[in-house]
Amino acid sequence: MENYEIKIDKNGFWYYKGAHMFRKEILSIFFQHLKIDDCGNYLIELGNERCYLDVEDTVFVVEAVYKTKNPYDCQEQIEILLNDGRCEKLEMNSLYIGRENVLYCQVKEGKFTARFSRKSYYQLAEFIEQSENDAEFFIKINGEKYFIRNNQAS
């Protein structure tokens, strides 16, 4: 694979030389071998082969949001469904607003950033509250407030 032949758009759709890649088994392999180099570039490493990716924003996109209860301690939690087909618990302290008011979080044990799709943003917005001074937004879960950072300048 030559470098930058694979493009991922801001909605998380993969393309190879302009053709939409949709086969889940192939994308699953690519997600499993996804890495970020020291300069912050995304690449796939398969054996001795490396393929750098042309990523418009992030590789991971949050497609859906669910409020659930942890089966072990019955505490409420928010789970997210990613575009790799996997669900994981939302890392509440990782939420931030980026450029153009796009919501992001950290996923895969903090290794990657994920962009919220419009649909998942609206699903999460059901749980977002505004502080009394109207300057901050947070999600209150299990009695604790998790503030959403504003990183729009980054």
C-alpha atoms as a PDB file:
ATOM      1  CA  MET A   1       0.000   0.000   0.000  1.00  0.00           C
ATOM      2  CA  GLU A   2       1.323   3.404  -0.908  1.00  0.00           C
ATOM      3  CA  ASN A   3       1.065   6.201   1.588  1.00  0.00           C
ATOM      4  CA  TYR A   4      -2.032   8.405   1.661  1.00  0.00           C
ATOM      5  CA  GLU A   5      -4.021   6.258  -0.765  1.00  0.00           C
ATOM      6  CA  ILE A   6      -6.560   5.767   2.016  1.00  0.00           C
ATOM      7  CA  LYS A   7      -8.608   8.804   3.031  1.00  0.00           C
ATOM      8  CA  ILE A   8     -10.984   9.076   5.971  1.00  0.00           C
ATOM      9  CA  ASP A   9     -13.480  11.922   5.830  1.00  0.00           C
ATOM     10  CA  LYS A  10     -14.776  13.850   8.847  1.00  0.00           C
ATOM     11  CA  ASN A  11     -17.793  11.522   9.088  1.00  0.00           C
ATOM     12  CA  GLY A  12     -15.532   8.482   9.470  1.00  0.00           C
ATOM     13  CA  PHE A  13     -16.054   7.080   5.969  1.00  0.00           C
ATOM     14  CA  TRP A  14     -13.020   5.336   4.475  1.00  0.00           C
ATOM     15  CA  TYR A  15     -11.969   5.661   0.821  1.00  0.00           C
ATOM     16  CA  TYR A  16      -9.260   3.947  -1.209  1.00  0.00           C
ATOM     17  CA  LYS A  17      -8.224   5.962  -4.267  1.00  0.00           C
ATOM     18  CA  GLY A  18     -11.646   7.634  -4.136  1.00  0.00           C
ATOM     19  CA  ALA A  19     -13.705   4.413  -3.849  1.00  0.00           C
ATOM     20  CA  HIS A  20     -15.786   4.046  -0.685  1.00  0.00           C
ATOM     21  CA  MET A  21     -14.507   1.227   1.534  1.00  0.00           C
ATOM     22  CA  PHE A  22     -17.438  -0.459   3.259  1.00  0.00           C
ATOM     23  CA  ARG A  23     -16.475  -4.108   3.889  1.00  0.00           C
ATOM     24  CA  LYS A  24     -16.587  -4.458   7.663  1.00  0.00           C
ATOM     25  CA  GLU A  25     -14.058  -7.300   7.817  1.00  0.00           C
ATOM     26  CA  ILE A  26     -11.409  -5.234   6.017  1.00  0.00           C
ATOM     27  CA  LEU A  27     -12.115  -2.104   8.046  1.00  0.00           C
ATOM     28  CA  SER A  28     -11.983  -4.188  11.229  1.00  0.00           C
ATOM     29  CA  ILE A  29      -8.438  -5.299  10.377  1.00  0.00           C
ATOM     30  CA  PHE A  30      -7.435  -1.707   9.661  1.00  0.00           C
ATOM     31  CA  PHE A  31      -8.910  -0.493  12.977  1.00  0.00           C
ATOM     32  CA  GLN A  32      -7.034  -3.259  14.839  1.00  0.00           C
ATOM     33  CA  HIS A  33      -3.719  -2.174  13.324  1.00  0.00           C
ATOM     34  CA  LEU A  34      -4.259   1.569  13.596  1.00  0.00           C
ATOM     35  CA  LYS A  35      -1.491   3.641  15.170  1.00  0.00           C
ATOM     36  CA  ILE A  36      -0.471   7.268  15.614  1.00  0.00           C
ATOM     37  CA  ASP A  37       3.170   8.206  15.025  1.00  0.00           C
ATOM     38  CA  ASP A  38       5.181  10.686  17.106  1.00  0.00           C
ATOM     39  CA  CYS A  39       4.044  13.553  14.858  1.00  0.00           C
ATOM     40  CA  GLY A  40       0.347  12.742  15.323  1.00  0.00           C
ATOM     41  CA  ASN A  41      -0.142  11.127  11.893  1.00  0.00           C
ATOM     42  CA  TYR A  42      -2.441   8.124  11.568  1.00  0.00           C
ATOM     43  CA  LEU A  43      -1.105   4.944   9.992  1.00  0.00           C
ATOM     44  CA  ILE A  44      -1.888   1.266   9.627  1.00  0.00           C
ATOM     45  CA  GLU A  45       0.905  -1.192  10.420  1.00  0.00           C
ATOM     46  CA  LEU A  46       0.503  -4.712   9.041  1.00  0.00           C
ATOM     47  CA  GLY A  47       3.658  -6.745   9.495  1.00  0.00           C
ATOM     48  CA  ASN A  48       6.466  -4.771   7.877  1.00  0.00           C
ATOM     49  CA  GLU A  49       4.083  -2.606   5.855  1.00  0.00           C
ATOM     50  CA  ARG A  50       3.060   0.896   6.873  1.00  0.00           C
ATOM     51  CA  CYS A  51       0.336   2.926   5.238  1.00  0.00           C
ATOM     52  CA  TYR A  52      -0.182   6.516   6.273  1.00  0.00           C
ATOM     53  CA  LEU A  53      -3.759   7.759   6.177  1.00  0.00           C
ATOM     54  CA  ASP A  54      -5.158  11.044   4.885  1.00  0.00           C
ATOM     55  CA  VAL A  55      -7.502  11.876   7.771  1.00  0.00           C
ATOM     56  CA  GLU A  56      -9.796  14.883   7.444  1.00  0.00           C
ATOM     57  CA  ASP A  57     -10.434  15.116  11.214  1.00  0.00           C
ATOM     58  CA  THR A  58     -10.379  11.891  13.266  1.00  0.00           C
ATOM     59  CA  VAL A  59     -10.446   8.194  12.410  1.00  0.00           C
ATOM     60  CA  PHE A  60     -12.957   7.418  15.140  1.00  0.00           C
ATOM     61  CA  VAL A  61     -16.468   8.857  15.098  1.00  0.00           C
ATOM     62  CA  VAL A  62     -19.056   8.463  17.850  1.00  0.00           C
ATOM     63  CA  GLU A  63     -22.174   7.181  16.116  1.00  0.00           C
ATOM     64  CA  ALA A  64     -24.536   6.747  19.079  1.00  0.00           C
ATOM     65  CA  VAL A  65     -24.816   7.539  22.793  1.00  0.00           C
ATOM     66  CA  TYR A  66     -26.596   5.461  25.455  1.00  0.00           C
ATOM     67  CA  LYS A  67     -27.151   6.068  29.156  1.00  0.00           C
ATOM     68  CA  THR A  68     -26.834   2.721  30.922  1.00  0.00           C
ATOM     69  CA  LYS A  69     -26.189   1.245  34.357  1.00  0.00           C
ATOM     70  CA  ASN A  70     -22.993  -0.563  35.183  1.00  0.00           C
ATOM     71  CA  PRO A  71     -24.079  -4.161  35.951  1.00  0.00           C
ATOM     72  CA  TYR A  72     -21.501  -4.502  38.730  1.00  0.00           C
ATOM     73  CA  ASP A  73     -22.226  -1.427  40.856  1.00  0.00           C
ATOM     74  CA  CYS A  74     -25.532  -0.138  39.347  1.00  0.00           C
ATOM     75  CA  GLN A  75     -23.943   3.289  38.772  1.00  0.00           C
ATOM     76  CA  GLU A  76     -25.165   5.226  35.750  1.00  0.00           C
ATOM     77  CA  GLN A  77     -22.737   5.594  32.874  1.00  0.00           C
ATOM     78  CA  ILE A  78     -22.754   6.819  29.320  1.00  0.00           C
ATOM     79  CA  GLU A  79     -21.711   4.408  26.609  1.00  0.00           C
ATOM     80  CA  ILE A  80     -20.756   5.346  23.090  1.00  0.00           C
ATOM     81  CA  LEU A  81     -20.880   3.340  19.861  1.00  0.00           C
ATOM     82  CA  LEU A  82     -17.912   4.023  17.609  1.00  0.00           C
ATOM     83  CA  ASN A  83     -17.651   3.661  13.854  1.00  0.00           C
ATOM     84  CA  ASP A  84     -15.502   0.548  14.349  1.00  0.00           C
ATOM     85  CA  GLY A  85     -18.651  -1.174  15.665  1.00  0.00           C
ATOM     86  CA  ARG A  86     -17.476  -1.282  19.279  1.00  0.00           C
ATOM     87  CA  CYS A  87     -19.144   0.184  22.359  1.00  0.00           C
ATOM     88  CA  GLU A  88     -17.188   1.629  25.223  1.00  0.00           C
ATOM     89  CA  LYS A  89     -17.816   3.691  28.314  1.00  0.00           C
ATOM     90  CA  LEU A  90     -17.511   7.421  27.657  1.00  0.00           C
ATOM     91  CA  GLU A  91     -14.510   8.899  29.437  1.00  0.00           C
ATOM     92  CA  MET A  92     -16.454  11.799  30.946  1.00  0.00           C
ATOM     93  CA  ASN A  93     -13.416  13.971  31.742  1.00  0.00           C
ATOM     94  CA  SER A  94     -12.263  13.843  28.121  1.00  0.00           C
ATOM     95  CA  LEU A  95     -15.171  15.779  26.578  1.00  0.00           C
ATOM     96  CA  TYR A  96     -14.263  19.010  24.824  1.00  0.00           C
ATOM     97  CA  ILE A  97     -15.544  21.396  22.184  1.00  0.00           C
ATOM     98  CA  GLY A  98     -13.154  21.941  19.285  1.00  0.00           C
ATOM     99  CA  ARG A  99     -13.174  24.139  16.225  1.00  0.00           C
ATOM    100  CA  GLU A 100     -16.541  24.863  14.626  1.00  0.00           C
ATOM    101  CA  ASN A 101     -18.252  23.781  17.897  1.00  0.00           C
ATOM    102  CA  VAL A 102     -17.583  20.081  17.238  1.00  0.00           C
ATOM    103  CA  LEU A 103     -17.669  17.810  20.290  1.00  0.00           C
ATOM    104  CA  TYR A 104     -14.792  15.358  20.867  1.00  0.00           C
ATOM    105  CA  CYS A 105     -13.692  12.786  23.435  1.00  0.00           C
ATOM    106  CA  GLN A 106     -10.852  10.344  24.010  1.00  0.00           C
ATOM    107  CA  VAL A 107     -11.420   6.670  23.160  1.00  0.00           C
ATOM    108  CA  LYS A 108      -9.538   3.376  23.186  1.00  0.00           C
ATOM    109  CA  GLU A 109      -8.063   3.976  26.649  1.00  0.00           C
ATOM    110  CA  GLY A 110      -7.116   7.526  25.718  1.00  0.00           C
ATOM    111  CA  LYS A 111      -5.052   6.552  22.680  1.00  0.00           C
ATOM    112  CA  PHE A 112      -7.294   8.223  20.092  1.00  0.00           C
ATOM    113  CA  THR A 113      -9.635  11.187  19.709  1.00  0.00           C
ATOM    114  CA  ALA A 114     -13.177  10.658  18.455  1.00  0.00           C
ATOM    115  CA  ARG A 115     -15.467  13.192  16.853  1.00  0.00           C
ATOM    116  CA  PHE A 116     -19.182  13.113  17.714  1.00  0.00           C
ATOM    117  CA  SER A 117     -21.484  12.787  14.722  1.00  0.00           C
ATOM    118  CA  ARG A 118     -24.417  15.185  14.580  1.00  0.00           C
ATOM    119  CA  LYS A 119     -26.772  12.389  15.688  1.00  0.00           C
ATOM    120  CA  SER A 120     -24.641  11.346  18.663  1.00  0.00           C
ATOM    121  CA  TYR A 121     -24.100  14.977  19.664  1.00  0.00           C
ATOM    122  CA  TYR A 122     -27.871  15.486  19.895  1.00  0.00           C
ATOM    123  CA  GLN A 123     -28.200  12.245  21.868  1.00  0.00           C
ATOM    124  CA  LEU A 124     -25.567  13.433  24.367  1.00  0.00           C
ATOM    125  CA  ALA A 125     -27.095  16.927  24.477  1.00  0.00           C
ATOM    126  CA  GLU A 126     -30.078  15.442  26.340  1.00  0.00           C
ATOM    127  CA  PHE A 127     -27.761  15.050  29.360  1.00  0.00           C
ATOM    128  CA  ILE A 128     -25.913  18.393  29.098  1.00  0.00           C
ATOM    129  CA  GLU A 129     -26.753  21.140  31.581  1.00  0.00           C
ATOM    130  CA  GLN A 130     -25.656  24.763  31.728  1.00  0.00           C
ATOM    131  CA  SER A 131     -24.073  26.330  34.812  1.00  0.00           C
ATOM    132  CA  GLU A 132     -25.808  29.161  36.656  1.00  0.00           C
ATOM    133  CA  ASN A 133     -23.483  31.775  35.139  1.00  0.00           C
ATOM    134  CA  ASP A 134     -24.223  30.365  31.636  1.00  0.00           C
ATOM    135  CA  ALA A 135     -20.485  30.165  30.933  1.00  0.00           C
ATOM    136  CA  GLU A 136     -19.963  26.440  31.409  1.00  0.00           C
ATOM    137  CA  PHE A 137     -21.634  23.232  30.332  1.00  0.00           C
ATOM    138  CA  PHE A 138     -21.529  19.924  32.165  1.00  0.00           C
ATOM    139  CA  ILE A 139     -23.050  16.471  32.452  1.00  0.00           C
ATOM    140  CA  LYS A 140     -24.178  15.391  35.893  1.00  0.00           C
ATOM    141  CA  ILE A 141     -24.013  11.670  36.470  1.00  0.00           C
ATOM    142  CA  ASN A 142     -24.123   9.820  39.793  1.00  0.00           C
ATOM    143  CA  GLY A 143     -24.102  13.167  41.608  1.00  0.00           C
ATOM    144  CA  GLU A 144     -20.858  14.331  39.992  1.00  0.00           C
ATOM    145  CA  LYS A 145     -20.499  17.143  37.449  1.00  0.00           C
ATOM    146  CA  TYR A 146     -18.255  16.593  34.421  1.00  0.00           C
ATOM    147  CA  PHE A 147     -17.474  19.872  32.695  1.00  0.00           C
ATOM    148  CA  ILE A 148     -17.024  20.079  28.939  1.00  0.00           C
ATOM    149  CA  ARG A 149     -13.810  21.933  28.120  1.00  0.00           C
ATOM    150  CA  ASN A 150     -13.756  24.542  25.400  1.00  0.00           C
ATOM    151  CA  ASN A 151     -10.707  24.072  23.144  1.00  0.00           C
ATOM    152  CA  GLN A 152     -12.010  25.974  20.127  1.00  0.00           C
ATOM    153  CA  ALA A 153      -8.695  27.716  19.562  1.00  0.00           C
ATOM    154  CA  SER A 154      -6.813  24.416  19.157  1.00  0.00           C
END
